[in-house]
N, C-alpha and C. Protein backbone atom coordinates (compact mmCIF):
# COMPACT_ATOMS: atom_id res chain seq x y z
N MET A 1 1.12 -0.96 0.05
CA MET A 1 -0.15 -0.15 -0.08
C MET A 1 0.93 1.30 -0.17
N VAL A 2 1.86 1.07 0.70
CA VAL A 2 2.71 2.38 0.89
C VAL A 2 3.37 2.88 -0.38
N GLU A 3 3.98 1.84 -1.01
CA GLU A 3 4.60 1.76 -2.68
C GLU A 3 3.69 2.32 -3.75
N GLN A 4 2.42 1.87 -3.55
CA GLN A 4 1.46 2.54 -4.49
C GLN A 4 1.10 3.93 -4.30
N GLN A 5 1.01 4.45 -2.90
CA GLN A 5 0.93 5.75 -2.63
C GLN A 5 1.89 6.66 -2.85
N ALA A 6 3.16 6.35 -3.06
CA ALA A 6 4.53 6.82 -3.38
C ALA A 6 4.53 7.30 -4.75
N TRP A 7 3.99 6.52 -5.67
CA TRP A 7 4.11 7.08 -7.00
C TRP A 7 3.03 8.15 -7.17
N ILE A 8 1.90 8.19 -6.74
CA ILE A 8 1.02 8.84 -6.50
C ILE A 8 1.26 10.40 -6.09
N GLU A 9 1.71 10.23 -5.21
CA GLU A 9 2.45 11.54 -4.36
C GLU A 9 3.56 12.31 -5.36
N LEU A 10 4.16 11.51 -5.95
CA LEU A 10 5.02 12.21 -7.28
C LEU A 10 4.39 12.44 -8.23
N LEU A 11 3.38 12.04 -8.79
CA LEU A 11 2.85 12.49 -10.02
C LEU A 11 1.72 13.49 -9.95
N VAL A 12 1.03 13.63 -9.09
CA VAL A 12 -0.10 14.23 -9.14
C VAL A 12 0.52 15.88 -8.81
N PRO A 13 1.41 16.19 -8.12
CA PRO A 13 1.58 17.81 -8.24
C PRO A 13 2.10 18.48 -9.48
N PRO A 14 3.27 17.41 -10.14
CA PRO A 14 3.53 17.86 -11.47
C PRO A 14 2.34 18.01 -12.50
N ALA A 15 1.57 16.98 -12.26
CA ALA A 15 0.10 16.81 -13.20
C ALA A 15 -0.84 18.31 -12.98
N MET A 16 -0.90 18.62 -12.10
CA MET A 16 -1.70 19.55 -11.42
C MET A 16 -1.06 20.83 -11.87
N LEU A 17 -0.01 20.87 -11.74
CA LEU A 17 0.96 22.07 -12.32
C LEU A 17 0.58 22.36 -13.99
N LEU A 18 0.84 21.33 -14.54
CA LEU A 18 0.80 21.62 -16.07
C LEU A 18 -0.75 21.68 -16.59
N PHE A 19 -1.68 20.91 -15.67
CA PHE A 19 -3.14 21.22 -15.89
C PHE A 19 -3.33 22.45 -15.77
N GLY A 20 -2.57 23.18 -14.86
CA GLY A 20 -2.95 24.84 -14.39
C GLY A 20 -2.43 25.51 -15.43
N LEU A 21 -1.26 25.43 -16.24
CA LEU A 21 -0.59 26.23 -17.18
C LEU A 21 -1.65 26.04 -18.40
N ALA A 22 -2.13 24.66 -18.55
CA ALA A 22 -3.03 24.06 -19.69
C ALA A 22 -4.13 25.10 -19.63
N LEU A 23 -4.61 25.51 -18.45
CA LEU A 23 -5.75 26.31 -18.52
C LEU A 23 -5.73 27.74 -18.67
N VAL A 24 -4.53 28.36 -17.99
CA VAL A 24 -4.27 29.47 -18.56
C VAL A 24 -3.84 29.42 -19.95
N GLY A 25 -3.02 28.67 -20.62
CA GLY A 25 -3.02 28.61 -22.38
C GLY A 25 -4.32 28.68 -23.00
N LEU A 26 -5.23 27.78 -22.43
CA LEU A 26 -6.51 28.05 -23.27
C LEU A 26 -7.23 29.00 -22.73
N GLY A 27 -7.45 29.63 -21.76
CA GLY A 27 -7.88 30.81 -21.37
C GLY A 27 -7.53 32.06 -22.30
N ARG A 28 -6.28 32.08 -22.44
CA ARG A 28 -5.66 33.22 -23.44
C ARG A 28 -5.97 33.13 -24.67
N PHE A 29 -5.73 31.69 -25.16
CA PHE A 29 -6.24 31.46 -26.66
C PHE A 29 -7.65 31.90 -26.87
N LEU A 30 -8.53 31.66 -25.96
CA LEU A 30 -10.08 31.84 -26.22
C LEU A 30 -10.26 33.54 -25.95
N ALA A 31 -9.54 34.40 -25.38
CA ALA A 31 -9.79 35.51 -25.00
C ALA A 31 -8.79 36.51 -26.09
N TRP A 32 -8.15 35.93 -27.03
CA TRP A 32 -7.12 36.69 -28.05
C TRP A 32 -7.91 38.10 -28.57
N ASP A 33 -9.12 38.10 -28.86
CA ASP A 33 -9.71 39.30 -29.43
C ASP A 33 -10.67 40.03 -28.59
N GLU A 34 -10.81 39.71 -27.18
CA GLU A 34 -11.53 40.18 -26.34
C GLU A 34 -11.67 41.90 -26.43
N ALA A 35 -10.24 42.08 -26.12
CA ALA A 35 -10.16 43.72 -25.63
C ALA A 35 -10.80 44.52 -26.84
N SER A 36 -10.80 44.36 -28.05
CA SER A 36 -11.32 45.45 -28.77
C SER A 36 -13.14 45.10 -28.81
N PHE A 37 -13.39 43.51 -28.59
CA PHE A 37 -14.86 43.67 -28.25
C PHE A 37 -15.53 44.02 -26.99
N LEU A 38 -14.73 44.19 -25.73
CA LEU A 38 -15.06 44.89 -24.60
C LEU A 38 -15.13 46.35 -24.74
N VAL A 39 -14.17 47.06 -25.55
CA VAL A 39 -14.07 48.26 -25.65
C VAL A 39 -15.39 48.91 -26.72
N GLY A 40 -15.55 48.25 -27.44
CA GLY A 40 -16.68 48.26 -28.51
C GLY A 40 -18.12 48.39 -27.80
N PHE A 41 -18.25 47.15 -26.84
CA PHE A 41 -19.29 47.01 -26.10
C PHE A 41 -19.76 48.30 -24.81
N ILE A 42 -18.43 48.48 -24.36
CA ILE A 42 -18.75 49.65 -23.39
C ILE A 42 -19.02 50.98 -23.97
N ALA A 43 -18.40 51.02 -25.23
CA ALA A 43 -18.72 52.56 -25.92
C ALA A 43 -20.37 52.33 -26.12
N ARG A 44 -20.49 51.06 -27.07
CA ARG A 44 -21.87 51.80 -27.56
C ARG A 44 -23.13 51.48 -25.99
N ASN A 45 -22.83 50.81 -25.21
CA ASN A 45 -23.69 50.92 -24.03
C ASN A 45 -23.88 51.69 -22.93
N SER A 46 -22.58 52.56 -22.78
CA SER A 46 -22.15 53.83 -22.23
C SER A 46 -22.65 55.18 -22.57
N GLY A 47 -22.15 55.43 -23.81
CA GLY A 47 -22.33 56.47 -24.77
C GLY A 47 -21.20 57.38 -25.04
N ALA A 48 -19.89 56.47 -24.36
CA ALA A 48 -18.70 56.92 -24.39
C ALA A 48 -18.43 56.78 -26.06
N ARG A 49 -17.38 57.62 -26.31
CA ARG A 49 -16.60 57.38 -27.49
C ARG A 49 -15.12 57.15 -27.27
N GLU A 50 -14.91 56.39 -28.20
CA GLU A 50 -13.52 55.76 -28.41
C GLU A 50 -12.29 57.08 -28.73
N ARG A 51 -11.47 57.08 -28.21
CA ARG A 51 -10.39 58.19 -28.29
C ARG A 51 -9.33 57.34 -29.63
N ASN A 52 -8.72 58.34 -30.60
CA ASN A 52 -7.92 57.76 -31.45
C ASN A 52 -6.54 58.35 -31.12
N PRO A 53 -5.77 57.60 -31.09
CA PRO A 53 -4.50 57.81 -30.57
C PRO A 53 -3.52 58.70 -31.58
């Protein structure tokens, strides 16, 4: 029983770290164009205008 638990203790923390990094990467991929969408949404719904740099 102890030997079986040892490999789980060695495998789970790196797996959790990799899963967390994968979630961050997926979130960044899915939100790559959200900034322009959010600026337009706020401008339309608040009556504000975008500044031209």
